């Protein structure tokens, strides 16, 4: 499941392994997220899923996202207060740069966050399960537009 899957049939197989019933609608939602190449909110997932499954409802998409999140198949990210974004559970822990101008999201690896996770866990006798670093600023295009 990490870093996306190949086909709708692969997504159905992956769902079966989790114990969740592998319906067409769930497989399509998983495929949309897998192929999303970015961070999609529920409305965008719904819009893309309807291209393949015109009868899917927005409430089905929301229920499916919550089930996938609970199963650990996807991550729910909060880059702003108004939206939740979803991505396939990544193969590696990564962090995010968010452009305040256009909303572009760039993923990057941060070895320091891994060290910090270990150090803080050890110093506080705490099981740290994830670290989220979010940096905001302006991408090259928006910086140019601001001048």
N, C-alpha and C. Protein backbone atom coordinates (compact mmCIF):
# COMPACT_ATOMS: atom_id res chain seq x y z
N UNK A 1 0.80 -1.21 0.00
CA UNK A 1 0.00 0.00 0.00
C UNK A 1 0.84 1.26 0.00
N UNK A 2 2.06 1.19 0.37
CA UNK A 2 2.85 2.40 0.50
C UNK A 2 3.14 3.02 -0.85
N UNK A 3 3.01 4.36 -0.87
CA UNK A 3 3.29 5.15 -2.07
C UNK A 3 2.39 4.81 -3.24
N UNK A 4 1.20 4.38 -2.99
CA UNK A 4 0.25 4.19 -4.07
C UNK A 4 0.23 2.78 -4.59
N UNK A 5 -0.79 2.51 -5.39
CA UNK A 5 -0.94 1.19 -5.96
C UNK A 5 -1.07 1.32 -7.45
N UNK A 6 -1.05 0.19 -8.13
CA UNK A 6 -0.99 0.22 -9.58
C UNK A 6 -2.32 0.33 -10.28
N UNK A 7 -3.28 -0.52 -9.95
CA UNK A 7 -4.52 -0.56 -10.70
C UNK A 7 -5.70 -0.70 -9.75
N UNK A 8 -6.88 -0.61 -10.32
CA UNK A 8 -8.09 -0.78 -9.52
C UNK A 8 -8.12 -2.18 -8.92
N UNK A 9 -7.68 -3.18 -9.68
CA UNK A 9 -7.64 -4.55 -9.16
C UNK A 9 -6.63 -4.66 -8.00
N UNK A 10 -5.48 -4.00 -8.13
CA UNK A 10 -4.50 -3.98 -7.04
C UNK A 10 -5.11 -3.33 -5.80
N UNK A 11 -5.86 -2.24 -6.00
CA UNK A 11 -6.50 -1.56 -4.88
C UNK A 11 -7.53 -2.45 -4.20
N UNK A 12 -8.28 -3.22 -4.99
CA UNK A 12 -9.26 -4.15 -4.42
C UNK A 12 -8.56 -5.22 -3.59
N UNK A 13 -7.43 -5.72 -4.08
CA UNK A 13 -6.66 -6.73 -3.34
C UNK A 13 -6.12 -6.14 -2.04
N UNK A 14 -5.61 -4.92 -2.12
CA UNK A 14 -5.07 -4.26 -0.93
C UNK A 14 -6.15 -4.07 0.12
N UNK A 15 -7.35 -3.72 -0.31
CA UNK A 15 -8.45 -3.55 0.63
C UNK A 15 -8.82 -4.88 1.28
N UNK A 16 -8.82 -5.95 0.50
CA UNK A 16 -9.16 -7.27 1.03
C UNK A 16 -8.20 -7.68 2.14
N UNK A 17 -6.93 -7.35 1.98
CA UNK A 17 -5.92 -7.69 2.98
C UNK A 17 -6.22 -7.01 4.31
N UNK A 18 -6.79 -5.82 4.28
CA UNK A 18 -7.07 -5.08 5.51
C UNK A 18 -8.28 -5.62 6.25
N UNK A 19 -9.07 -6.46 5.60
CA UNK A 19 -10.27 -6.98 6.22
C UNK A 19 -11.51 -6.17 5.91
N UNK A 20 -11.34 -5.05 5.25
CA UNK A 20 -12.48 -4.22 4.86
C UNK A 20 -13.05 -4.79 3.56
N UNK A 21 -14.36 -4.74 3.43
CA UNK A 21 -14.98 -5.25 2.21
C UNK A 21 -14.54 -4.40 1.03
N UNK A 22 -14.07 -5.05 0.00
CA UNK A 22 -13.49 -4.36 -1.16
C UNK A 22 -14.57 -4.03 -2.19
N UNK A 23 -15.34 -2.99 -1.92
CA UNK A 23 -16.36 -2.57 -2.87
C UNK A 23 -15.71 -1.77 -3.99
N UNK A 24 -16.42 -1.64 -5.10
CA UNK A 24 -15.92 -0.83 -6.22
C UNK A 24 -15.71 0.61 -5.78
N UNK A 25 -16.65 1.13 -4.98
CA UNK A 25 -16.54 2.53 -4.56
C UNK A 25 -15.30 2.75 -3.70
N UNK A 26 -15.03 1.84 -2.77
CA UNK A 26 -13.83 1.97 -1.94
C UNK A 26 -12.56 1.86 -2.78
N UNK A 27 -12.55 0.91 -3.72
CA UNK A 27 -11.38 0.74 -4.58
C UNK A 27 -11.15 1.99 -5.43
N UNK A 28 -12.23 2.61 -5.90
CA UNK A 28 -12.09 3.83 -6.71
C UNK A 28 -11.55 4.98 -5.87
N UNK A 29 -12.05 5.13 -4.65
CA UNK A 29 -11.54 6.19 -3.77
C UNK A 29 -10.05 5.98 -3.50
N UNK A 30 -9.66 4.74 -3.23
CA UNK A 30 -8.25 4.44 -3.00
C UNK A 30 -7.42 4.72 -4.24
N UNK A 31 -7.95 4.37 -5.40
CA UNK A 31 -7.23 4.64 -6.65
C UNK A 31 -7.06 6.14 -6.88
N UNK A 32 -8.11 6.91 -6.61
CA UNK A 32 -8.03 8.37 -6.79
C UNK A 32 -6.94 8.95 -5.90
N UNK A 33 -6.88 8.51 -4.65
CA UNK A 33 -5.86 9.02 -3.74
C UNK A 33 -4.48 8.55 -4.19
N UNK A 34 -4.38 7.30 -4.60
CA UNK A 34 -3.10 6.73 -5.04
C UNK A 34 -2.53 7.48 -6.22
N UNK A 35 -3.40 7.80 -7.16
CA UNK A 35 -2.94 8.47 -8.38
C UNK A 35 -3.00 9.98 -8.30
N UNK A 36 -3.40 10.49 -7.15
CA UNK A 36 -3.60 11.93 -6.99
C UNK A 36 -2.36 12.76 -7.16
N UNK A 37 -1.21 12.19 -6.95
CA UNK A 37 0.05 12.91 -7.07
C UNK A 37 -0.02 14.25 -6.35
N UNK A 38 -0.37 14.18 -5.12
CA UNK A 38 -0.46 15.39 -4.32
C UNK A 38 -1.35 15.16 -3.14
N UNK A 39 -1.86 16.22 -2.61
CA UNK A 39 -2.68 16.18 -1.43
C UNK A 39 -4.08 16.64 -1.83
N UNK A 40 -5.00 15.72 -1.78
CA UNK A 40 -6.36 16.00 -2.25
C UNK A 40 -7.30 16.16 -1.06
N UNK A 41 -8.24 17.10 -1.18
CA UNK A 41 -9.27 17.18 -0.15
C UNK A 41 -10.45 16.30 -0.57
N UNK A 42 -11.40 16.13 0.32
CA UNK A 42 -12.52 15.21 0.08
C UNK A 42 -13.33 15.62 -1.15
N UNK A 43 -13.51 16.92 -1.35
CA UNK A 43 -14.28 17.37 -2.51
C UNK A 43 -13.60 16.99 -3.83
N UNK A 44 -12.28 17.12 -3.87
CA UNK A 44 -11.54 16.77 -5.08
C UNK A 44 -11.55 15.25 -5.29
N UNK A 45 -11.43 14.50 -4.22
CA UNK A 45 -11.50 13.04 -4.32
C UNK A 45 -12.87 12.64 -4.85
N UNK A 46 -13.91 13.26 -4.33
CA UNK A 46 -15.28 12.99 -4.78
C UNK A 46 -15.44 13.33 -6.27
N UNK A 47 -14.94 14.49 -6.66
CA UNK A 47 -15.06 14.91 -8.06
C UNK A 47 -14.37 13.91 -8.99
N UNK A 48 -13.17 13.49 -8.63
CA UNK A 48 -12.43 12.54 -9.46
C UNK A 48 -13.07 11.15 -9.43
N UNK A 49 -13.56 10.74 -8.29
CA UNK A 49 -14.20 9.41 -8.18
C UNK A 49 -15.45 9.34 -9.05
N UNK A 50 -16.19 10.45 -9.14
CA UNK A 50 -17.42 10.47 -9.95
C UNK A 50 -17.15 10.25 -11.43
N UNK A 51 -15.93 10.53 -11.87
CA UNK A 51 -15.59 10.29 -13.28
C UNK A 51 -15.66 8.80 -13.60
N UNK A 52 -15.30 7.97 -12.62
CA UNK A 52 -15.34 6.51 -12.81
C UNK A 52 -16.60 5.87 -12.25
N UNK A 53 -17.20 6.50 -11.28
CA UNK A 53 -18.36 5.94 -10.58
C UNK A 53 -19.37 7.08 -10.37
N UNK A 54 -20.17 7.39 -11.40
CA UNK A 54 -21.06 8.56 -11.33
C UNK A 54 -22.06 8.54 -10.17
N UNK A 55 -22.34 7.37 -9.62
CA UNK A 55 -23.36 7.29 -8.57
C UNK A 55 -22.79 7.34 -7.16
N UNK A 56 -21.48 7.52 -7.03
CA UNK A 56 -20.88 7.60 -5.71
C UNK A 56 -21.34 8.90 -5.04
N UNK A 57 -21.59 8.84 -3.76
CA UNK A 57 -22.05 10.04 -3.03
C UNK A 57 -20.90 10.64 -2.23
N UNK A 58 -21.04 11.90 -1.91
CA UNK A 58 -20.04 12.58 -1.10
C UNK A 58 -19.96 11.94 0.28
N UNK A 59 -21.09 11.55 0.83
CA UNK A 59 -21.06 10.92 2.16
C UNK A 59 -20.32 9.58 2.12
N UNK A 60 -20.43 8.85 1.02
CA UNK A 60 -19.66 7.60 0.87
C UNK A 60 -18.17 7.90 0.85
N UNK A 61 -17.78 8.95 0.16
CA UNK A 61 -16.37 9.33 0.12
C UNK A 61 -15.89 9.67 1.53
N UNK A 62 -16.66 10.46 2.28
CA UNK A 62 -16.26 10.82 3.65
C UNK A 62 -16.16 9.59 4.54
N UNK A 63 -17.14 8.69 4.48
CA UNK A 63 -17.10 7.46 5.29
C UNK A 63 -15.90 6.60 4.91
N UNK A 64 -15.63 6.51 3.62
CA UNK A 64 -14.50 5.71 3.13
C UNK A 64 -13.18 6.30 3.61
N UNK A 65 -13.05 7.61 3.55
CA UNK A 65 -11.83 8.26 4.02
C UNK A 65 -11.60 7.99 5.50
N UNK A 66 -12.66 8.07 6.29
CA UNK A 66 -12.51 7.79 7.72
C UNK A 66 -12.13 6.34 7.99
N UNK A 67 -12.71 5.41 7.22
CA UNK A 67 -12.36 3.99 7.36
C UNK A 67 -10.91 3.77 6.97
N UNK A 68 -10.47 4.36 5.88
CA UNK A 68 -9.08 4.20 5.43
C UNK A 68 -8.11 4.79 6.45
N UNK A 69 -8.50 5.92 7.02
CA UNK A 69 -7.65 6.56 8.03
C UNK A 69 -7.52 5.65 9.26
N UNK A 70 -8.63 5.10 9.69
CA UNK A 70 -8.64 4.20 10.85
C UNK A 70 -7.80 2.95 10.61
N UNK A 71 -7.80 2.46 9.37
CA UNK A 71 -7.03 1.27 9.01
C UNK A 71 -5.54 1.58 8.77
N UNK A 72 -5.20 2.86 8.74
CA UNK A 72 -3.80 3.24 8.50
C UNK A 72 -3.39 3.21 7.04
N UNK A 73 -4.37 3.21 6.13
CA UNK A 73 -4.07 3.21 4.70
C UNK A 73 -3.71 4.59 4.17
N UNK A 74 -4.27 5.61 4.81
CA UNK A 74 -4.04 6.99 4.37
C UNK A 74 -3.70 7.86 5.57
N UNK A 75 -3.12 9.00 5.27
CA UNK A 75 -2.88 10.03 6.28
C UNK A 75 -3.83 11.19 6.00
N UNK A 76 -4.35 11.77 7.07
CA UNK A 76 -5.16 12.98 6.97
C UNK A 76 -4.29 14.13 7.44
N UNK A 77 -4.14 15.13 6.59
CA UNK A 77 -3.26 16.26 6.88
C UNK A 77 -4.08 17.53 7.01
N UNK A 78 -3.62 18.43 7.86
CA UNK A 78 -4.33 19.69 8.12
C UNK A 78 -3.37 20.84 7.82
N UNK A 79 -3.44 21.34 6.60
CA UNK A 79 -2.56 22.43 6.21
C UNK A 79 -3.20 23.79 6.50
N UNK A 80 -4.48 23.82 6.60
CA UNK A 80 -5.19 25.04 6.97
C UNK A 80 -6.43 24.62 7.75
N UNK A 81 -7.12 25.57 8.32
CA UNK A 81 -8.27 25.25 9.16
C UNK A 81 -9.48 24.78 8.36
N UNK A 82 -9.54 25.14 7.10
CA UNK A 82 -10.75 24.88 6.32
C UNK A 82 -10.79 23.50 5.68
N UNK A 83 -9.65 22.87 5.46
CA UNK A 83 -9.63 21.63 4.70
C UNK A 83 -8.79 20.54 5.38
N UNK A 84 -9.20 19.32 5.12
CA UNK A 84 -8.39 18.15 5.46
C UNK A 84 -7.92 17.59 4.12
N UNK A 85 -6.67 17.24 4.05
CA UNK A 85 -6.10 16.68 2.83
C UNK A 85 -5.69 15.24 3.10
N UNK A 86 -5.71 14.44 2.05
CA UNK A 86 -5.44 13.02 2.21
C UNK A 86 -4.34 12.58 1.25
N UNK A 87 -3.53 11.65 1.73
CA UNK A 87 -2.51 11.02 0.90
C UNK A 87 -2.35 9.58 1.36
N UNK A 88 -1.91 8.74 0.44
CA UNK A 88 -1.60 7.36 0.78
C UNK A 88 -0.51 7.37 1.84
N UNK A 89 -0.63 6.49 2.81
CA UNK A 89 0.40 6.40 3.85
C UNK A 89 1.75 6.26 3.15
N UNK A 90 2.65 7.22 3.37
CA UNK A 90 3.91 7.21 2.64
C UNK A 90 4.87 6.11 3.13
N UNK A 91 5.76 5.70 2.23
CA UNK A 91 6.77 4.69 2.56
C UNK A 91 7.82 5.30 3.49
N UNK A 92 7.98 6.61 3.45
CA UNK A 92 8.96 7.28 4.30
C UNK A 92 8.30 8.51 4.92
N UNK A 93 8.74 8.83 6.13
CA UNK A 93 8.22 10.02 6.78
C UNK A 93 8.75 11.24 6.06
N UNK A 94 7.87 12.15 5.75
CA UNK A 94 8.26 13.37 5.06
C UNK A 94 7.53 14.55 5.67
N UNK A 95 7.98 15.72 5.33
CA UNK A 95 7.42 16.95 5.86
C UNK A 95 6.91 17.79 4.69
N UNK A 96 6.32 18.95 4.99
CA UNK A 96 5.66 19.74 3.95
C UNK A 96 6.04 21.22 3.99
N UNK A 97 6.25 21.76 2.80
CA UNK A 97 6.36 23.20 2.58
C UNK A 97 5.06 23.64 1.93
N UNK A 98 4.45 24.71 2.44
CA UNK A 98 3.18 25.17 1.90
C UNK A 98 3.33 26.62 1.45
N UNK A 99 3.03 26.86 0.17
CA UNK A 99 3.10 28.22 -0.36
C UNK A 99 1.87 29.01 0.08
N UNK A 100 2.11 30.15 0.70
CA UNK A 100 1.02 31.01 1.15
C UNK A 100 0.35 31.75 0.00
N UNK A 101 1.00 31.78 -1.15
CA UNK A 101 0.43 32.46 -2.31
C UNK A 101 -0.52 31.58 -3.09
N UNK A 102 -0.01 30.45 -3.58
CA UNK A 102 -0.81 29.60 -4.47
C UNK A 102 -1.30 28.31 -3.82
N UNK A 103 -0.82 28.01 -2.61
CA UNK A 103 -1.26 26.80 -1.93
C UNK A 103 -0.48 25.55 -2.32
N UNK A 104 0.52 25.69 -3.16
CA UNK A 104 1.33 24.55 -3.57
C UNK A 104 1.93 23.88 -2.34
N UNK A 105 1.96 22.53 -2.37
CA UNK A 105 2.52 21.76 -1.27
C UNK A 105 3.70 20.95 -1.80
N UNK A 106 4.84 21.11 -1.17
CA UNK A 106 6.06 20.41 -1.56
C UNK A 106 6.47 19.50 -0.41
N UNK A 107 6.71 18.23 -0.72
CA UNK A 107 7.17 17.29 0.29
C UNK A 107 8.70 17.30 0.34
N UNK A 108 9.24 17.15 1.55
CA UNK A 108 10.69 17.03 1.70
C UNK A 108 11.01 16.12 2.87
N UNK A 109 12.17 15.49 2.80
CA UNK A 109 12.63 14.65 3.90
C UNK A 109 13.43 15.50 4.87
N UNK A 110 13.30 15.19 6.15
CA UNK A 110 13.98 15.96 7.18
C UNK A 110 14.58 14.99 8.20
N UNK A 111 15.85 14.60 8.01
CA UNK A 111 16.47 13.68 8.96
C UNK A 111 16.45 14.20 10.40
N UNK A 112 16.46 15.51 10.57
CA UNK A 112 16.41 16.09 11.91
C UNK A 112 15.12 15.71 12.64
N UNK A 113 14.01 15.57 11.91
CA UNK A 113 12.76 15.21 12.56
C UNK A 113 12.83 13.79 13.13
N UNK A 114 13.55 12.89 12.45
CA UNK A 114 13.73 11.52 12.96
C UNK A 114 14.55 11.54 14.24
N UNK A 115 15.61 12.32 14.26
CA UNK A 115 16.44 12.43 15.46
C UNK A 115 15.64 13.04 16.60
N UNK A 116 14.89 14.10 16.29
CA UNK A 116 14.09 14.76 17.30
C UNK A 116 13.06 13.79 17.88
N UNK A 117 12.43 12.99 17.02
CA UNK A 117 11.44 12.01 17.46
C UNK A 117 12.06 11.04 18.47
N UNK A 118 13.23 10.52 18.15
CA UNK A 118 13.92 9.58 19.05
C UNK A 118 14.32 10.25 20.35
N UNK A 119 14.92 11.45 20.26
CA UNK A 119 15.40 12.14 21.45
C UNK A 119 14.26 12.52 22.39
N UNK A 120 13.20 13.08 21.83
CA UNK A 120 12.06 13.50 22.66
C UNK A 120 11.40 12.28 23.30
N UNK A 121 11.27 11.21 22.55
CA UNK A 121 10.67 9.99 23.10
C UNK A 121 11.50 9.46 24.27
N UNK A 122 12.81 9.41 24.08
CA UNK A 122 13.69 8.89 25.13
C UNK A 122 13.66 9.81 26.35
N UNK A 123 13.79 11.10 26.15
CA UNK A 123 13.87 12.06 27.26
C UNK A 123 12.57 12.14 28.06
N UNK A 124 11.45 11.83 27.42
CA UNK A 124 10.16 11.97 28.10
C UNK A 124 9.45 10.65 28.34
N UNK A 125 10.14 9.55 28.07
CA UNK A 125 9.54 8.22 28.20
C UNK A 125 8.17 8.21 27.52
N UNK A 126 8.19 8.59 26.25
CA UNK A 126 6.96 8.77 25.48
C UNK A 126 7.08 8.05 24.16
N UNK A 127 6.05 7.36 23.73
CA UNK A 127 6.05 6.72 22.42
C UNK A 127 5.57 7.71 21.38
N UNK A 128 6.48 8.26 20.62
CA UNK A 128 6.14 9.21 19.55
C UNK A 128 5.87 8.40 18.30
N UNK A 129 4.68 8.54 17.74
CA UNK A 129 4.31 7.75 16.57
C UNK A 129 4.52 8.49 15.26
N UNK A 130 4.53 9.81 15.29
CA UNK A 130 4.79 10.55 14.07
C UNK A 130 5.20 11.97 14.41
N UNK A 131 5.84 12.60 13.46
CA UNK A 131 6.26 13.98 13.58
C UNK A 131 5.74 14.72 12.36
N UNK A 132 5.18 15.89 12.57
CA UNK A 132 4.71 16.69 11.45
C UNK A 132 5.38 18.05 11.50
N UNK A 133 6.17 18.33 10.48
CA UNK A 133 6.80 19.64 10.34
C UNK A 133 6.15 20.30 9.14
N UNK A 134 5.63 21.48 9.35
CA UNK A 134 4.99 22.24 8.27
C UNK A 134 5.64 23.61 8.23
N UNK A 135 6.17 23.94 7.08
CA UNK A 135 6.79 25.25 6.89
C UNK A 135 6.00 26.00 5.83
N UNK A 136 5.76 27.27 6.11
CA UNK A 136 5.02 28.08 5.15
C UNK A 136 5.93 29.18 4.60
N UNK A 137 5.61 29.63 3.42
CA UNK A 137 6.38 30.68 2.77
C UNK A 137 5.87 30.85 1.35
N UNK A 138 6.76 31.20 0.44
CA UNK A 138 6.35 31.47 -0.93
C UNK A 138 7.24 30.70 -1.90
N UNK A 139 6.60 30.03 -2.86
CA UNK A 139 7.32 29.30 -3.90
C UNK A 139 7.98 30.33 -4.84
N UNK A 140 8.89 29.86 -5.70
CA UNK A 140 9.58 30.81 -6.60
C UNK A 140 8.63 31.66 -7.44
N UNK A 141 7.58 31.07 -7.98
CA UNK A 141 6.64 31.81 -8.82
C UNK A 141 5.92 32.90 -8.02
N UNK A 142 5.46 32.56 -6.82
CA UNK A 142 4.75 33.55 -6.00
C UNK A 142 5.68 34.63 -5.50
N UNK A 143 6.93 34.28 -5.20
CA UNK A 143 7.92 35.30 -4.81
C UNK A 143 8.11 36.28 -5.96
N UNK A 144 8.17 35.77 -7.17
CA UNK A 144 8.35 36.64 -8.34
C UNK A 144 7.12 37.52 -8.53
N UNK A 145 5.94 36.94 -8.33
CA UNK A 145 4.70 37.72 -8.51
C UNK A 145 4.57 38.81 -7.45
N UNK A 146 5.17 38.61 -6.30
CA UNK A 146 5.06 39.59 -5.20
C UNK A 146 5.96 40.80 -5.39
N UNK A 147 6.93 40.70 -6.29
CA UNK A 147 7.87 41.82 -6.48
C UNK A 147 7.37 42.80 -7.50
